[in-house]
C-alpha atoms as a PDB file:
ATOM      1  CA  UNK A   1      83.506  -6.772  16.691  1.00  0.00           C
ATOM      2  CA  UNK A   2      85.251  -8.788  19.404  1.00  0.00           C
ATOM      3  CA  UNK A   3      88.879  -9.861  19.530  1.00  0.00           C
ATOM      4  CA  UNK A   4      89.507 -13.528  20.388  1.00  0.00           C
ATOM      5  CA  UNK A   5      89.482 -14.175  24.136  1.00  0.00           C
ATOM      6  CA  UNK A   6      91.799 -16.482  26.053  1.00  0.00           C
ATOM      7  CA  UNK A   7      88.857 -18.867  26.360  1.00  0.00           C
ATOM      8  CA  UNK A   8      88.527 -18.924  22.580  1.00  0.00           C
ATOM      9  CA  UNK A   9      92.185 -19.852  22.077  1.00  0.00           C
ATOM     10  CA  UNK A  10      91.778 -22.610  24.658  1.00  0.00           C
ATOM     11  CA  UNK A  11      88.673 -23.972  22.902  1.00  0.00           C
ATOM     12  CA  UNK A  12      90.391 -24.005  19.505  1.00  0.00           C
ATOM     13  CA  UNK A  13      93.541 -25.568  20.969  1.00  0.00           C
ATOM     14  CA  UNK A  14      91.493 -28.343  22.580  1.00  0.00           C
ATOM     15  CA  UNK A  15      89.647 -28.994  19.333  1.00  0.00           C
ATOM     16  CA  UNK A  16      92.934 -29.100  17.404  1.00  0.00           C
ATOM     17  CA  UNK A  17      94.330 -31.644  19.841  1.00  0.00           C
ATOM     18  CA  UNK A  18      91.312 -33.837  19.218  1.00  0.00           C
ATOM     19  CA  UNK A  19      91.598 -33.509  15.437  1.00  0.00           C
ATOM     20  CA  UNK A  20      88.272 -31.700  15.316  1.00  0.00           C
ATOM     21  CA  UNK A  21      89.262 -28.513  13.439  1.00  0.00           C
ATOM     22  CA  UNK A  22      89.303 -28.020   9.664  1.00  0.00           C
ATOM     23  CA  UNK A  23      91.212 -24.830   8.728  1.00  0.00           C
ATOM     24  CA  UNK A  24      89.975 -23.052   5.578  1.00  0.00           C
ATOM     25  CA  UNK A  25      92.609 -20.865   3.914  1.00  0.00           C
ATOM     26  CA  UNK A  26      91.557 -18.014   1.652  1.00  0.00           C
ATOM     27  CA  UNK A  27      93.701 -15.547  -0.276  1.00  0.00           C
ATOM     28  CA  UNK A  28      94.099 -13.482   2.901  1.00  0.00           C
ATOM     29  CA  UNK A  29      96.154 -16.299   4.433  1.00  0.00           C
ATOM     30  CA  UNK A  30      98.739 -15.679   1.715  1.00  0.00           C
ATOM     31  CA  UNK A  31      99.006 -12.016   2.746  1.00  0.00           C
ATOM     32  CA  UNK A  32      99.909 -12.802   6.351  1.00  0.00           C
ATOM     33  CA  UNK A  33     102.983 -10.760   7.221  1.00  0.00           C
ATOM     34  CA  UNK A  34     102.887  -8.645   4.033  1.00  0.00           C
ATOM     35  CA  UNK A  35     102.691  -4.891   4.452  1.00  0.00           C
ATOM     36  CA  UNK A  36      99.636  -3.473   2.742  1.00  0.00           C
ATOM     37  CA  UNK A  37     101.682  -0.383   1.898  1.00  0.00           C
ATOM     38  CA  UNK A  38     103.885  -2.378  -0.487  1.00  0.00           C
ATOM     39  CA  UNK A  39     102.430  -2.780  -4.002  1.00  0.00           C
ATOM     40  CA  UNK A  40     101.992  -6.319  -5.277  1.00  0.00           C
ATOM     41  CA  UNK A  41     105.143  -7.646  -6.973  1.00  0.00           C
ATOM     42  CA  UNK A  42     104.402 -10.501  -9.411  1.00  0.00           C
ATOM     43  CA  UNK A  43     106.380 -13.708  -8.735  1.00  0.00           C
ATOM     44  CA  UNK A  44     107.722 -12.205  -5.509  1.00  0.00           C
ATOM     45  CA  UNK A  45     104.515 -11.776  -3.518  1.00  0.00           C
ATOM     46  CA  UNK A  46     101.543 -14.101  -3.222  1.00  0.00           C
ATOM     47  CA  UNK A  47      98.540 -12.245  -4.670  1.00  0.00           C
ATOM     48  CA  UNK A  48      95.256 -11.421  -3.017  1.00  0.00           C
ATOM     49  CA  UNK A  49      92.108 -11.810  -5.111  1.00  0.00           C
ATOM     50  CA  UNK A  50      92.226  -8.092  -5.891  1.00  0.00           C
ATOM     51  CA  UNK A  51      95.921  -8.299  -6.823  1.00  0.00           C
ATOM     52  CA  UNK A  52      95.220 -11.175  -9.187  1.00  0.00           C
ATOM     53  CA  UNK A  53      92.263  -9.416 -10.817  1.00  0.00           C
ATOM     54  CA  UNK A  54      94.280  -6.252 -11.443  1.00  0.00           C
ATOM     55  CA  UNK A  55      97.269  -8.226 -12.747  1.00  0.00           C
ATOM     56  CA  UNK A  56      95.162 -10.162 -15.260  1.00  0.00           C
ATOM     57  CA  UNK A  57      93.299  -7.030 -16.327  1.00  0.00           C
ATOM     58  CA  UNK A  58      96.560  -5.198 -17.019  1.00  0.00           C
ATOM     59  CA  UNK A  59      98.050  -8.160 -18.903  1.00  0.00           C
ATOM     60  CA  UNK A  60      95.046  -8.361 -21.238  1.00  0.00           C
ATOM     61  CA  UNK A  61      94.099  -4.679 -21.439  1.00  0.00           C
ATOM     62  CA  UNK A  62      90.805  -5.337 -19.669  1.00  0.00           C
ATOM     63  CA  UNK A  63      90.946  -2.621 -17.025  1.00  0.00           C
ATOM     64  CA  UNK A  64      87.163  -2.247 -17.084  1.00  0.00           C
ATOM     65  CA  UNK A  65      87.004  -5.652 -15.302  1.00  0.00           C
ATOM     66  CA  UNK A  66      89.874  -5.060 -12.871  1.00  0.00           C
ATOM     67  CA  UNK A  67      87.617  -4.999  -9.815  1.00  0.00           C
ATOM     68  CA  UNK A  68      86.123  -8.453 -10.460  1.00  0.00           C
ATOM     69  CA  UNK A  69      88.389 -11.507 -10.657  1.00  0.00           C
ATOM     70  CA  UNK A  70      85.730 -13.857 -12.008  1.00  0.00           C
ATOM     71  CA  UNK A  71      84.694 -11.411 -14.696  1.00  0.00           C
ATOM     72  CA  UNK A  72      88.205 -10.598 -15.896  1.00  0.00           C
ATOM     73  CA  UNK A  73      89.105 -14.302 -15.960  1.00  0.00           C
ATOM     74  CA  UNK A  74      85.926 -15.056 -17.950  1.00  0.00           C
ATOM     75  CA  UNK A  75      86.778 -12.213 -20.339  1.00  0.00           C
ATOM     76  CA  UNK A  76      90.237 -13.661 -20.983  1.00  0.00           C
ATOM     77  CA  UNK A  77      88.932 -17.215 -21.395  1.00  0.00           C
ATOM     78  CA  UNK A  78      86.275 -16.002 -23.860  1.00  0.00           C
ATOM     79  CA  UNK A  79      88.436 -13.635 -25.878  1.00  0.00           C
ATOM     80  CA  UNK A  80      91.796 -15.460 -25.768  1.00  0.00           C
ATOM     81  CA  UNK A  81      90.926 -19.014 -24.749  1.00  0.00           C
ATOM     82  CA  UNK A  82      91.515 -21.120 -21.659  1.00  0.00           C
ATOM     83  CA  UNK A  83      95.030 -22.208 -22.719  1.00  0.00           C
ATOM     84  CA  UNK A  84      96.162 -18.564 -22.708  1.00  0.00           C
ATOM     85  CA  UNK A  85      94.510 -17.884 -19.339  1.00  0.00           C
ATOM     86  CA  UNK A  86      96.042 -21.010 -17.806  1.00  0.00           C
ATOM     87  CA  UNK A  87      99.475 -20.184 -19.217  1.00  0.00           C
ATOM     88  CA  UNK A  88      99.358 -16.733 -17.634  1.00  0.00           C
ATOM     89  CA  UNK A  89      98.280 -18.151 -14.274  1.00  0.00           C
ATOM     90  CA  UNK A  90     100.965 -20.843 -14.416  1.00  0.00           C
ATOM     91  CA  UNK A  91     103.691 -18.281 -15.078  1.00  0.00           C
ATOM     92  CA  UNK A  92     102.476 -16.159 -12.174  1.00  0.00           C
ATOM     93  CA  UNK A  93     102.281 -19.007  -9.633  1.00  0.00           C
ATOM     94  CA  UNK A  94     105.357 -20.953 -10.773  1.00  0.00           C
ATOM     95  CA  UNK A  95     107.594 -19.442  -8.085  1.00  0.00           C
ATOM     96  CA  UNK A  96     109.012 -20.295  -4.663  1.00  0.00           C
ATOM     97  CA  UNK A  97     107.013 -17.865  -2.552  1.00  0.00           C
ATOM     98  CA  UNK A  98     108.017 -17.491   1.078  1.00  0.00           C
ATOM     99  CA  UNK A  99     105.678 -19.316   3.483  1.00  0.00           C
ATOM    100  CA  UNK A 100     103.638 -17.047   5.741  1.00  0.00           C
ATOM    101  CA  UNK A 101     103.140 -17.462   9.471  1.00  0.00           C
ATOM    102  CA  UNK A 102      99.893 -19.307   8.749  1.00  0.00           C
ATOM    103  CA  UNK A 103     101.662 -21.847   6.519  1.00  0.00           C
ATOM    104  CA  UNK A 104     104.454 -22.401   9.039  1.00  0.00           C
ATOM    105  CA  UNK A 105     101.980 -22.830  11.902  1.00  0.00           C
ATOM    106  CA  UNK A 106      99.926 -25.456  10.051  1.00  0.00           C
ATOM    107  CA  UNK A 107     103.007 -27.351   8.868  1.00  0.00           C
ATOM    108  CA  UNK A 108     104.259 -27.527  12.438  1.00  0.00           C
ATOM    109  CA  UNK A 109     100.977 -28.646  13.995  1.00  0.00           C
ATOM    110  CA  UNK A 110     101.493 -32.438  13.767  1.00  0.00           C
ATOM    111  CA  UNK A 111     104.877 -32.189  15.512  1.00  0.00           C
ATOM    112  CA  UNK A 112     103.490 -29.799  18.110  1.00  0.00           C
ATOM    113  CA  UNK A 113     100.505 -32.060  18.829  1.00  0.00           C
ATOM    114  CA  UNK A 114     102.423 -35.358  18.808  1.00  0.00           C
ATOM    115  CA  UNK A 115     105.673 -34.218  20.408  1.00  0.00           C
ATOM    116  CA  UNK A 116     107.789 -35.774  17.645  1.00  0.00           C
ATOM    117  CA  UNK A 117     108.804 -35.134  14.045  1.00  0.00           C
ATOM    118  CA  UNK A 118     107.123 -37.233  11.372  1.00  0.00           C
ATOM    119  CA  UNK A 119     110.053 -39.640  10.960  1.00  0.00           C
ATOM    120  CA  UNK A 120     110.145 -40.369  14.711  1.00  0.00           C
ATOM    121  CA  UNK A 121     106.428 -40.207  15.460  1.00  0.00           C
ATOM    122  CA  UNK A 122     104.559 -42.966  17.263  1.00  0.00           C
ATOM    123  CA  UNK A 123     102.373 -44.716  14.645  1.00  0.00           C
ATOM    124  CA  UNK A 124      99.489 -44.617  17.120  1.00  0.00           C
ATOM    125  CA  UNK A 125      99.247 -40.828  16.718  1.00  0.00           C
ATOM    126  CA  UNK A 126      96.286 -40.098  14.459  1.00  0.00           C
ATOM    127  CA  UNK A 127      95.390 -36.463  15.190  1.00  0.00           C
ATOM    128  CA  UNK A 128      96.014 -35.107  11.683  1.00  0.00           C
ATOM    129  CA  UNK A 129      94.236 -32.161  10.107  1.00  0.00           C
ATOM    130  CA  UNK A 130      92.219 -31.832   6.955  1.00  0.00           C
ATOM    131  CA  UNK A 131      93.167 -28.414   5.545  1.00  0.00           C
ATOM    132  CA  UNK A 132      90.990 -26.816   2.854  1.00  0.00           C
ATOM    133  CA  UNK A 133      92.335 -24.035   0.651  1.00  0.00           C
ATOM    134  CA  UNK A 134      91.074 -22.103  -2.357  1.00  0.00           C
ATOM    135  CA  UNK A 135      94.605 -20.939  -3.211  1.00  0.00           C
ATOM    136  CA  UNK A 136      96.427 -22.201  -6.290  1.00  0.00           C
ATOM    137  CA  UNK A 137     100.071 -21.858  -5.195  1.00  0.00           C
ATOM    138  CA  UNK A 138     102.149 -24.623  -3.568  1.00  0.00           C
ATOM    139  CA  UNK A 139     103.459 -22.550  -0.643  1.00  0.00           C
ATOM    140  CA  UNK A 140     101.575 -24.544   1.985  1.00  0.00           C
ATOM    141  CA  UNK A 141     102.868 -27.816   0.577  1.00  0.00           C
ATOM    142  CA  UNK A 142     106.455 -26.542   0.542  1.00  0.00           C
ATOM    143  CA  UNK A 143     106.085 -25.456   4.180  1.00  0.00           C
ATOM    144  CA  UNK A 144     105.211 -29.074   5.026  1.00  0.00           C
ATOM    145  CA  UNK A 145     108.146 -30.356   2.978  1.00  0.00           C
ATOM    146  CA  UNK A 146     110.546 -27.924   4.684  1.00  0.00           C
ATOM    147  CA  UNK A 147     109.909 -29.575   8.066  1.00  0.00           C
ATOM    148  CA  UNK A 148     109.751 -33.133   6.739  1.00  0.00           C
ATOM    149  CA  UNK A 149     106.008 -33.467   7.336  1.00  0.00           C
ATOM    150  CA  UNK A 150     104.167 -35.877   5.033  1.00  0.00           C
ATOM    151  CA  UNK A 151     100.857 -34.935   3.422  1.00  0.00           C
ATOM    152  CA  UNK A 152      98.452 -36.011   0.688  1.00  0.00           C
ATOM    153  CA  UNK A 153      96.719 -33.685  -1.771  1.00  0.00           C
ATOM    154  CA  UNK A 154      93.180 -33.782  -3.089  1.00  0.00           C
ATOM    155  CA  UNK A 155      92.619 -31.365  -5.975  1.00  0.00           C
ATOM    156  CA  UNK A 156      89.794 -30.391  -8.327  1.00  0.00           C
ATOM    157  CA  UNK A 157      90.003 -30.626 -12.130  1.00  0.00           C
ATOM    158  CA  UNK A 158      88.105 -27.779 -13.786  1.00  0.00           C
ATOM    159  CA  UNK A 159      88.999 -28.297 -17.457  1.00  0.00           C
ATOM    160  CA  UNK A 160      90.042 -31.023 -19.872  1.00  0.00           C
ATOM    161  CA  UNK A 161      90.196 -34.758 -19.162  1.00  0.00           C
ATOM    162  CA  UNK A 162      88.508 -35.767 -15.905  1.00  0.00           C
ATOM    163  CA  UNK A 163      86.773 -32.380 -15.706  1.00  0.00           C
ATOM    164  CA  UNK A 164      84.564 -32.101 -12.630  1.00  0.00           C
ATOM    165  CA  UNK A 165      86.388 -34.779 -10.642  1.00  0.00           C
ATOM    166  CA  UNK A 166      88.792 -34.692  -7.736  1.00  0.00           C
ATOM    167  CA  UNK A 167      92.289 -36.204  -7.839  1.00  0.00           C
ATOM    168  CA  UNK A 168      94.269 -37.837  -5.024  1.00  0.00           C
ATOM    169  CA  UNK A 169      98.027 -37.182  -4.961  1.00  0.00           C
ATOM    170  CA  UNK A 170     100.311 -39.340  -2.796  1.00  0.00           C
ATOM    171  CA  UNK A 171     104.005 -38.444  -2.534  1.00  0.00           C
ATOM    172  CA  UNK A 172     105.631 -38.792  -5.972  1.00  0.00           C
ATOM    173  CA  UNK A 173     102.979 -41.121  -7.383  1.00  0.00           C
ATOM    174  CA  UNK A 174     100.812 -40.292 -10.374  1.00  0.00           C
ATOM    175  CA  UNK A 175      97.565 -38.697  -9.168  1.00  0.00           C
ATOM    176  CA  UNK A 176      94.602 -41.059  -8.944  1.00  0.00           C
ATOM    177  CA  UNK A 177      91.207 -39.926 -10.214  1.00  0.00           C
ATOM    178  CA  UNK A 178      88.573 -40.326  -7.487  1.00  0.00           C
ATOM    179  CA  UNK A 179      85.936 -42.228  -9.439  1.00  0.00           C
ATOM    180  CA  UNK A 180      84.073 -43.770  -6.500  1.00  0.00           C
ATOM    181  CA  UNK A 181      84.067 -41.354  -3.539  1.00  0.00           C
ATOM    182  CA  UNK A 182      82.391 -43.937  -1.309  1.00  0.00           C
ATOM    183  CA  UNK A 183      85.184 -46.464  -1.792  1.00  0.00           C
ATOM    184  CA  UNK A 184      88.228 -44.208  -2.130  1.00  0.00           C
ATOM    185  CA  UNK A 185      90.384 -44.261   1.016  1.00  0.00           C
ATOM    186  CA  UNK A 186      92.332 -41.261   2.319  1.00  0.00           C
ATOM    187  CA  UNK A 187      95.025 -41.693   5.012  1.00  0.00           C
ATOM    188  CA  UNK A 188      93.593 -39.051   7.358  1.00  0.00           C
ATOM    189  CA  UNK A 189      94.695 -41.062  10.377  1.00  0.00           C
ATOM    190  CA  UNK A 190      98.270 -41.296   9.043  1.00  0.00           C
ATOM    191  CA  UNK A 191      99.121 -37.836   7.697  1.00  0.00           C
ATOM    192  CA  UNK A 192      97.655 -34.430   6.865  1.00  0.00           C
ATOM    193  CA  UNK A 193      95.370 -34.121   3.840  1.00  0.00           C
ATOM    194  CA  UNK A 194      95.300 -30.808   1.957  1.00  0.00           C
ATOM    195  CA  UNK A 195      92.154 -30.264  -0.116  1.00  0.00           C
ATOM    196  CA  UNK A 196      92.748 -27.723  -2.892  1.00  0.00           C
ATOM    197  CA  UNK A 197      89.174 -27.158  -3.832  1.00  0.00           C
ATOM    198  CA  UNK A 198      89.923 -24.746  -6.696  1.00  0.00           C
ATOM    199  CA  UNK A 199      92.761 -26.647  -8.324  1.00  0.00           C
ATOM    200  CA  UNK A 200      96.487 -25.971  -8.281  1.00  0.00           C
ATOM    201  CA  UNK A 201      99.554 -24.895 -10.205  1.00  0.00           C
ATOM    202  CA  UNK A 202     101.593 -27.939 -11.260  1.00  0.00           C
ATOM    203  CA  UNK A 203     105.298 -27.126 -11.401  1.00  0.00           C
ATOM    204  CA  UNK A 204     106.484 -30.561 -12.562  1.00  0.00           C
ATOM    205  CA  UNK A 205     106.492 -30.774 -16.358  1.00  0.00           C
ATOM    206  CA  UNK A 206     105.478 -34.437 -16.671  1.00  0.00           C
ATOM    207  CA  UNK A 207     102.358 -33.830 -14.549  1.00  0.00           C
ATOM    208  CA  UNK A 208     101.293 -30.558 -16.165  1.00  0.00           C
ATOM    209  CA  UNK A 209      98.130 -32.139 -17.580  1.00  0.00           C
ATOM    210  CA  UNK A 210      96.662 -32.109 -14.045  1.00  0.00           C
ATOM    211  CA  UNK A 211      97.045 -28.360 -13.588  1.00  0.00           C
ATOM    212  CA  UNK A 212      93.717 -26.632 -13.018  1.00  0.00           C
ATOM    213  CA  UNK A 213      92.331 -23.274 -11.924  1.00  0.00           C
ATOM    214  CA  UNK A 214      88.728 -22.660 -10.890  1.00  0.00           C
ATOM    215  CA  UNK A 215      88.584 -18.951 -11.655  1.00  0.00           C
ATOM    216  CA  UNK A 216      85.973 -17.998 -14.265  1.00  0.00           C
ATOM    217  CA  UNK A 217      82.246 -17.383 -13.986  1.00  0.00           C
ATOM    218  CA  UNK A 218      81.620 -20.594 -15.938  1.00  0.00           C
ATOM    219  CA  UNK A 219      83.682 -22.556 -13.409  1.00  0.00           C
ATOM    220  CA  UNK A 220      81.567 -21.269 -10.546  1.00  0.00           C
ATOM    221  CA  UNK A 221      78.365 -22.093 -12.389  1.00  0.00           C
ATOM    222  CA  UNK A 222      79.680 -25.640 -12.863  1.00  0.00           C
ATOM    223  CA  UNK A 223      80.518 -25.807  -9.156  1.00  0.00           C
ATOM    224  CA  UNK A 224      77.011 -24.735  -8.188  1.00  0.00           C
ATOM    225  CA  UNK A 225      75.564 -27.403 -10.482  1.00  0.00           C
ATOM    226  CA  UNK A 226      77.435 -30.148  -8.606  1.00  0.00           C
ATOM    227  CA  UNK A 227      76.958 -31.502  -5.131  1.00  0.00           C
ATOM    228  CA  UNK A 228      80.483 -31.666  -3.682  1.00  0.00           C
ATOM    229  CA  UNK A 229      79.356 -34.315  -1.221  1.00  0.00           C
ATOM    230  CA  UNK A 230      78.921 -36.674  -4.191  1.00  0.00           C
ATOM    231  CA  UNK A 231      82.393 -35.923  -5.580  1.00  0.00           C
ATOM    232  CA  UNK A 232      84.592 -35.896  -2.466  1.00  0.00           C
ATOM    233  CA  UNK A 233      85.712 -39.014  -0.557  1.00  0.00           C
ATOM    234  CA  UNK A 234      83.346 -39.809   2.281  1.00  0.00           C
ATOM    235  CA  UNK A 235      86.108 -39.239   4.872  1.00  0.00           C
ATOM    236  CA  UNK A 236      86.382 -35.605   3.804  1.00  0.00           C
ATOM    237  CA  UNK A 237      82.616 -35.125   3.815  1.00  0.00           C
ATOM    238  CA  UNK A 238      82.410 -36.581   7.327  1.00  0.00           C
ATOM    239  CA  UNK A 239      85.153 -34.239   8.569  1.00  0.00           C
ATOM    240  CA  UNK A 240      83.418 -31.230   7.055  1.00  0.00           C
ATOM    241  CA  UNK A 241      80.102 -32.275   8.518  1.00  0.00           C
ATOM    242  CA  UNK A 242      81.311 -32.904  12.070  1.00  0.00           C
ATOM    243  CA  UNK A 243      84.319 -30.632  12.661  1.00  0.00           C
ATOM    244  CA  UNK A 244      84.778 -27.075  13.865  1.00  0.00           C
ATOM    245  CA  UNK A 245      85.649 -24.946  10.830  1.00  0.00           C
ATOM    246  CA  UNK A 246      88.276 -22.214  11.145  1.00  0.00           C
ATOM    247  CA  UNK A 247      88.107 -19.666   8.294  1.00  0.00           C
ATOM    248  CA  UNK A 248      91.371 -17.771   7.824  1.00  0.00           C
ATOM    249  CA  UNK A 249      91.709 -15.041   5.223  1.00  0.00           C
ATOM    250  CA  UNK A 250      88.232 -14.904   3.714  1.00  0.00           C
ATOM    251  CA  UNK A 251      85.861 -12.025   3.093  1.00  0.00           C
ATOM    252  CA  UNK A 252      82.200 -12.689   2.416  1.00  0.00           C
ATOM    253  CA  UNK A 253      82.337 -10.795  -0.837  1.00  0.00           C
ATOM    254  CA  UNK A 254      84.545 -13.662  -2.079  1.00  0.00           C
ATOM    255  CA  UNK A 255      82.303 -15.848  -4.240  1.00  0.00           C
ATOM    256  CA  UNK A 256      84.738 -18.738  -3.912  1.00  0.00           C
ATOM    257  CA  UNK A 257      83.882 -19.002  -0.212  1.00  0.00           C
ATOM    258  CA  UNK A 258      80.143 -18.624  -0.678  1.00  0.00           C
ATOM    259  CA  UNK A 259      80.025 -21.321  -3.361  1.00  0.00           C
ATOM    260  CA  UNK A 260      81.853 -23.712  -1.022  1.00  0.00           C
ATOM    261  CA  UNK A 261      79.566 -22.882   1.875  1.00  0.00           C
ATOM    262  CA  UNK A 262      76.533 -23.529  -0.310  1.00  0.00           C
ATOM    263  CA  UNK A 263      77.680 -27.132  -0.649  1.00  0.00           C
ATOM    264  CA  UNK A 264      79.123 -27.682   2.812  1.00  0.00           C
ATOM    265  CA  UNK A 265      76.315 -26.345   4.941  1.00  0.00           C
ATOM    266  CA  UNK A 266      73.828 -28.769   3.454  1.00  0.00           C
ATOM    267  CA  UNK A 267      75.924 -31.524   5.039  1.00  0.00           C
ATOM    268  CA  UNK A 268      76.570 -29.912   8.425  1.00  0.00           C
ATOM    269  CA  UNK A 269      75.042 -29.911  11.849  1.00  0.00           C
ATOM    270  CA  UNK A 270      74.752 -26.189  12.558  1.00  0.00           C
ATOM    271  CA  UNK A 271      75.216 -26.853  16.264  1.00  0.00           C
ATOM    272  CA  UNK A 272      78.938 -27.440  15.682  1.00  0.00           C
ATOM    273  CA  UNK A 273      80.622 -24.090  16.477  1.00  0.00           C
ATOM    274  CA  UNK A 274      83.048 -22.603  13.985  1.00  0.00           C
ATOM    275  CA  UNK A 275      85.103 -19.418  13.747  1.00  0.00           C
ATOM    276  CA  UNK A 276      86.211 -16.843  11.188  1.00  0.00           C
ATOM    277  CA  UNK A 277      89.146 -14.462  11.560  1.00  0.00           C
ATOM    278  CA  UNK A 278      89.392 -11.293   9.478  1.00  0.00           C
ATOM    279  CA  UNK A 279      90.413  -7.670   9.839  1.00  0.00           C
ATOM    280  CA  UNK A 280      87.659  -5.077  10.369  1.00  0.00           C
ATOM    281  CA  UNK A 281      84.583  -7.166   9.479  1.00  0.00           C
ATOM    282  CA  UNK A 282      81.384  -5.189   8.979  1.00  0.00           C
ATOM    283  CA  UNK A 283      77.830  -5.774  10.209  1.00  0.00           C
ATOM    284  CA  UNK A 284      76.926  -7.824   7.147  1.00  0.00           C
ATOM    285  CA  UNK A 285      79.825 -10.187   7.825  1.00  0.00           C
ATOM    286  CA  UNK A 286      78.687 -10.665  11.399  1.00  0.00           C
ATOM    287  CA  UNK A 287      75.078 -11.392  10.405  1.00  0.00           C
ATOM    288  CA  UNK A 288      76.079 -13.754   7.580  1.00  0.00           C
ATOM    289  CA  UNK A 289      78.486 -15.766   9.736  1.00  0.00           C
ATOM    290  CA  UNK A 290      76.127 -15.736  12.695  1.00  0.00           C
ATOM    291  CA  UNK A 291      73.350 -17.409  10.727  1.00  0.00           C
ATOM    292  CA  UNK A 292      75.751 -20.285  10.113  1.00  0.00           C
ATOM    293  CA  UNK A 293      76.840 -20.603  13.724  1.00  0.00           C
ATOM    294  CA  UNK A 294      80.228 -19.045  12.942  1.00  0.00           C
ATOM    295  CA  UNK A 295      81.674 -16.571  15.435  1.00  0.00           C
ATOM    296  CA  UNK A 296      83.670 -13.842  13.710  1.00  0.00           C
ATOM    297  CA  UNK A 297      86.721 -12.218  15.281  1.00  0.00           C
ATOM    298  CA  UNK A 298      88.496  -9.015  14.352  1.00  0.00           C
ATOM    299  CA  UNK A 299      92.186  -9.944  14.392  1.00  0.00           C
ATOM    300  CA  UNK A 300      95.177 -10.137  12.065  1.00  0.00           C
ATOM    301  CA  UNK A 301      96.096 -13.662  11.033  1.00  0.00           C
ATOM    302  CA  UNK A 302      99.693 -13.180  12.180  1.00  0.00           C
ATOM    303  CA  UNK A 303      98.606 -12.316  15.700  1.00  0.00           C
ATOM    304  CA  UNK A 304      95.955 -15.014  15.723  1.00  0.00           C
ATOM    305  CA  UNK A 305      98.223 -17.942  14.817  1.00  0.00           C
ATOM    306  CA  UNK A 306     100.958 -16.656  17.150  1.00  0.00           C
ATOM    307  CA  UNK A 307      98.585 -16.620  20.113  1.00  0.00           C
ATOM    308  CA  UNK A 308      97.101 -19.985  19.175  1.00  0.00           C
ATOM    309  CA  UNK A 309     100.598 -21.437  18.921  1.00  0.00           C
ATOM    310  CA  UNK A 310     101.464 -20.105  22.378  1.00  0.00           C
ATOM    311  CA  UNK A 311      98.277 -21.571  23.857  1.00  0.00           C
ATOM    312  CA  UNK A 312      98.960 -24.986  22.342  1.00  0.00           C
ATOM    313  CA  UNK A 313     102.502 -24.998  23.750  1.00  0.00           C
ATOM    314  CA  UNK A 314     101.200 -24.049  27.192  1.00  0.00           C
ATOM    315  CA  UNK A 315      98.876 -27.043  27.296  1.00  0.00           C
ATOM    316  CA  UNK A 316     100.251 -30.369  28.480  1.00  0.00           C
ATOM    317  CA  UNK A 317     100.843 -32.855  25.646  1.00  0.00           C
ATOM    318  CA  UNK A 318      98.175 -35.506  25.414  1.00  0.00           C
ATOM    319  CA  UNK A 319      99.078 -39.173  25.273  1.00  0.00           C
ATOM    320  CA  UNK A 320      97.986 -40.952  22.088  1.00  0.00           C
ATOM    321  CA  UNK A 321      98.870 -44.510  23.100  1.00  0.00           C
END
């Protein structure tokens, strides 16, 4: 499996400068910089999918399901109820985890591309990213906040009121339910939009009703029954259809990725090149990605974002007058 070439980093850097890349962050993006020799420490480390499955299995004495996150989550929801499952997930993700190199890189992109911090940026700059993540934690958002970079959130509601809809969060405002995706406006030309396609932990008590986790088998069945293109604002659908996709921290055995791809690829022009970065992919990964016009690279995420950052800094800033 090839490592990324200098030409690849140049191509991705050019696409980023044009606002034509949509990064997809999987659980592996949360492990960037973490030694695999160190056991998972709840509330100190961000969990991988395997870490989360084992943690839930141990908490609920369901070790027979420890190898399958969806199954162990479904077991807990069935035997103990969704409130208990959600409470456990909230307690696990209600922590100030340290941002990884991937988070820091993405939070710094608008300043790197524009040449100015958000508060001092020329209003004519419009090269902002749509970032898609299947992670529940708020580490990416806090990385943006740490550098004073504005963003909007779009999140999915899996249970309770407004189930099956997406919500739009702007600054400290109450989230707005996206009822009419064709009419709902997102400020993609004004600031970054983070799409949390599997929900999120809500760490503010007066907004806890909007907390949601897509994690059980039933949730994935519901996802497959919907056409995301009919639920998401048209601006997001257009970005997903026309942009280069950059998958960071996914493995093809992750059903969360494959369910998303099932919806996205119906809306895409397969001639638009995209890329996936993962450690030691196998032949199946290469064939699967290749059929979707995705080139897969064998590289650690830490090294990848470091080299991409260097390439972006080497390129002359582009005027956005």
